[in-house]
Amino acid sequence: MANELGHLPKVEELNDLDRLRLETWYDKAYSDDNLFRTLANDPATLEMFLSWVGQVYSGESGFDREMIEMCRIRMANVNECFH
């Protein structure tokens, strides 16, 4: 569902592992895959981001979920991101 928003290139064809990861993204995050497909241009960056997301949103980080959401919204606002 990649759209024309954004200025960075997006990966069109994903390998098997990243296809499975994208399905989880759709299930647990949202149906817009622009961020995922943009990060997939660099496998190390995608791996680092997904590891961070898993740690923060799993509850293992110790951060309060409301604080995490407030930070996510603030970062999106500062970066003029619609997520």
C-alpha atoms as a PDB file:
ATOM      1  CA  MET A   1       0.000   0.000   0.000  1.00  0.00           C
ATOM      2  CA  ALA A   2       2.938   2.356  -0.470  1.00  0.00           C
ATOM      3  CA  ASN A   3       1.725   5.753  -1.531  1.00  0.00           C
ATOM      4  CA  GLU A   4       3.326   8.794  -3.128  1.00  0.00           C
ATOM      5  CA  LEU A   5       3.862  10.608   0.175  1.00  0.00           C
ATOM      6  CA  GLY A   6       7.438  11.112   1.258  1.00  0.00           C
ATOM      7  CA  HIS A   7      10.610  11.671  -0.687  1.00  0.00           C
ATOM      8  CA  LEU A   8      12.685   8.603   0.083  1.00  0.00           C
ATOM      9  CA  PRO A   9      12.711   5.477  -2.081  1.00  0.00           C
ATOM     10  CA  LYS A  10      10.651   2.519  -0.954  1.00  0.00           C
ATOM     11  CA  VAL A  11      11.407  -1.163  -1.487  1.00  0.00           C
ATOM     12  CA  GLU A  12       8.800  -2.748  -3.762  1.00  0.00           C
ATOM     13  CA  GLU A  13       9.890  -6.401  -3.576  1.00  0.00           C
ATOM     14  CA  LEU A  14      10.542  -7.813  -0.107  1.00  0.00           C
ATOM     15  CA  ASN A  15      12.371 -11.002   0.810  1.00  0.00           C
ATOM     16  CA  ASP A  16      10.483 -13.781   2.640  1.00  0.00           C
ATOM     17  CA  LEU A  17      11.486 -12.629   6.129  1.00  0.00           C
ATOM     18  CA  ASP A  18      10.504  -9.015   5.472  1.00  0.00           C
ATOM     19  CA  ARG A  19       7.175 -10.101   3.965  1.00  0.00           C
ATOM     20  CA  LEU A  20       6.398 -11.901   7.231  1.00  0.00           C
ATOM     21  CA  ARG A  21       7.524  -8.863   9.198  1.00  0.00           C
ATOM     22  CA  LEU A  22       5.307  -6.640   7.064  1.00  0.00           C
ATOM     23  CA  GLU A  23       2.308  -8.867   7.798  1.00  0.00           C
ATOM     24  CA  THR A  24       2.992  -8.381  11.504  1.00  0.00           C
ATOM     25  CA  TRP A  25       3.320  -4.626  10.840  1.00  0.00           C
ATOM     26  CA  TYR A  26      -0.128  -4.622   9.235  1.00  0.00           C
ATOM     27  CA  ASP A  27      -1.554  -6.657  12.110  1.00  0.00           C
ATOM     28  CA  LYS A  28      -0.009  -4.763  15.031  1.00  0.00           C
ATOM     29  CA  ALA A  29       0.750  -1.280  13.702  1.00  0.00           C
ATOM     30  CA  TYR A  30      -1.181   0.109  10.737  1.00  0.00           C
ATOM     31  CA  SER A  31      -1.915  -0.575   7.101  1.00  0.00           C
ATOM     32  CA  ASP A  32       0.344   2.172   5.729  1.00  0.00           C
ATOM     33  CA  ASP A  33       3.650   0.524   4.899  1.00  0.00           C
ATOM     34  CA  ASN A  34       5.632   3.585   3.752  1.00  0.00           C
ATOM     35  CA  LEU A  35       7.870   3.671   6.837  1.00  0.00           C
ATOM     36  CA  PHE A  36       8.506  -0.078   6.723  1.00  0.00           C
ATOM     37  CA  ARG A  37       9.306  -0.078   2.989  1.00  0.00           C
ATOM     38  CA  THR A  38      11.538   2.987   3.343  1.00  0.00           C
ATOM     39  CA  LEU A  39      13.516   1.430   6.191  1.00  0.00           C
ATOM     40  CA  ALA A  40      13.760  -1.839   4.227  1.00  0.00           C
ATOM     41  CA  ASN A  41      16.175  -0.087   1.844  1.00  0.00           C
ATOM     42  CA  ASP A  42      18.817  -0.732   4.483  1.00  0.00           C
ATOM     43  CA  PRO A  43      18.470  -4.113   6.206  1.00  0.00           C
ATOM     44  CA  ALA A  44      20.521  -3.047   9.244  1.00  0.00           C
ATOM     45  CA  THR A  45      18.336   0.010   9.786  1.00  0.00           C
ATOM     46  CA  LEU A  46      15.138  -2.019   9.463  1.00  0.00           C
ATOM     47  CA  GLU A  47      16.485  -4.615  11.911  1.00  0.00           C
ATOM     48  CA  MET A  48      17.476  -1.930  14.424  1.00  0.00           C
ATOM     49  CA  PHE A  49      14.113  -0.169  14.151  1.00  0.00           C
ATOM     50  CA  LEU A  50      12.058  -3.366  14.507  1.00  0.00           C
ATOM     51  CA  SER A  51      14.164  -4.441  17.505  1.00  0.00           C
ATOM     52  CA  TRP A  52      13.597  -1.046  19.134  1.00  0.00           C
ATOM     53  CA  VAL A  53       9.836  -1.140  18.419  1.00  0.00           C
ATOM     54  CA  GLY A  54       9.605  -4.666  19.812  1.00  0.00           C
ATOM     55  CA  GLN A  55      11.431  -3.658  22.980  1.00  0.00           C
ATOM     56  CA  VAL A  56       9.480  -0.452  23.581  1.00  0.00           C
ATOM     57  CA  TYR A  57       5.994  -1.717  22.751  1.00  0.00           C
ATOM     58  CA  SER A  58       6.337  -5.163  24.370  1.00  0.00           C
ATOM     59  CA  GLY A  59       6.327  -3.637  27.833  1.00  0.00           C
ATOM     60  CA  GLU A  60       9.836  -4.912  28.574  1.00  0.00           C
ATOM     61  CA  SER A  61      11.359  -1.439  28.418  1.00  0.00           C
ATOM     62  CA  GLY A  62       9.733  -0.316  31.640  1.00  0.00           C
ATOM     63  CA  PHE A  63       8.384   2.828  29.986  1.00  0.00           C
ATOM     64  CA  ASP A  64       4.807   3.817  30.678  1.00  0.00           C
ATOM     65  CA  ARG A  65       2.659   3.150  27.553  1.00  0.00           C
ATOM     66  CA  GLU A  66       1.045   6.571  27.737  1.00  0.00           C
ATOM     67  CA  MET A  67       4.482   8.246  27.804  1.00  0.00           C
ATOM     68  CA  ILE A  68       5.600   6.184  24.813  1.00  0.00           C
ATOM     69  CA  GLU A  69       2.510   7.269  22.880  1.00  0.00           C
ATOM     70  CA  MET A  70       2.972  10.916  23.842  1.00  0.00           C
ATOM     71  CA  CYS A  71       6.589  10.789  22.634  1.00  0.00           C
ATOM     72  CA  ARG A  72       5.542   9.086  19.383  1.00  0.00           C
ATOM     73  CA  ILE A  73       2.917  11.747  18.720  1.00  0.00           C
ATOM     74  CA  ARG A  74       5.327  14.575  19.579  1.00  0.00           C
ATOM     75  CA  MET A  75       8.049  13.178  17.312  1.00  0.00           C
ATOM     76  CA  ALA A  76       5.554  12.836  14.473  1.00  0.00           C
ATOM     77  CA  ASN A  77       4.383  16.392  15.024  1.00  0.00           C
ATOM     78  CA  VAL A  78       7.912  17.821  15.082  1.00  0.00           C
ATOM     79  CA  ASN A  79       8.764  15.911  11.891  1.00  0.00           C
ATOM     80  CA  GLU A  80       5.453  16.817  10.210  1.00  0.00           C
ATOM     81  CA  CYS A  81       4.643  13.133   9.877  1.00  0.00           C
ATOM     82  CA  PHE A  82       1.019  12.046   9.591  1.00  0.00           C
ATOM     83  CA  HIS A  83       1.631   8.911  11.720  1.00  0.00           C
END
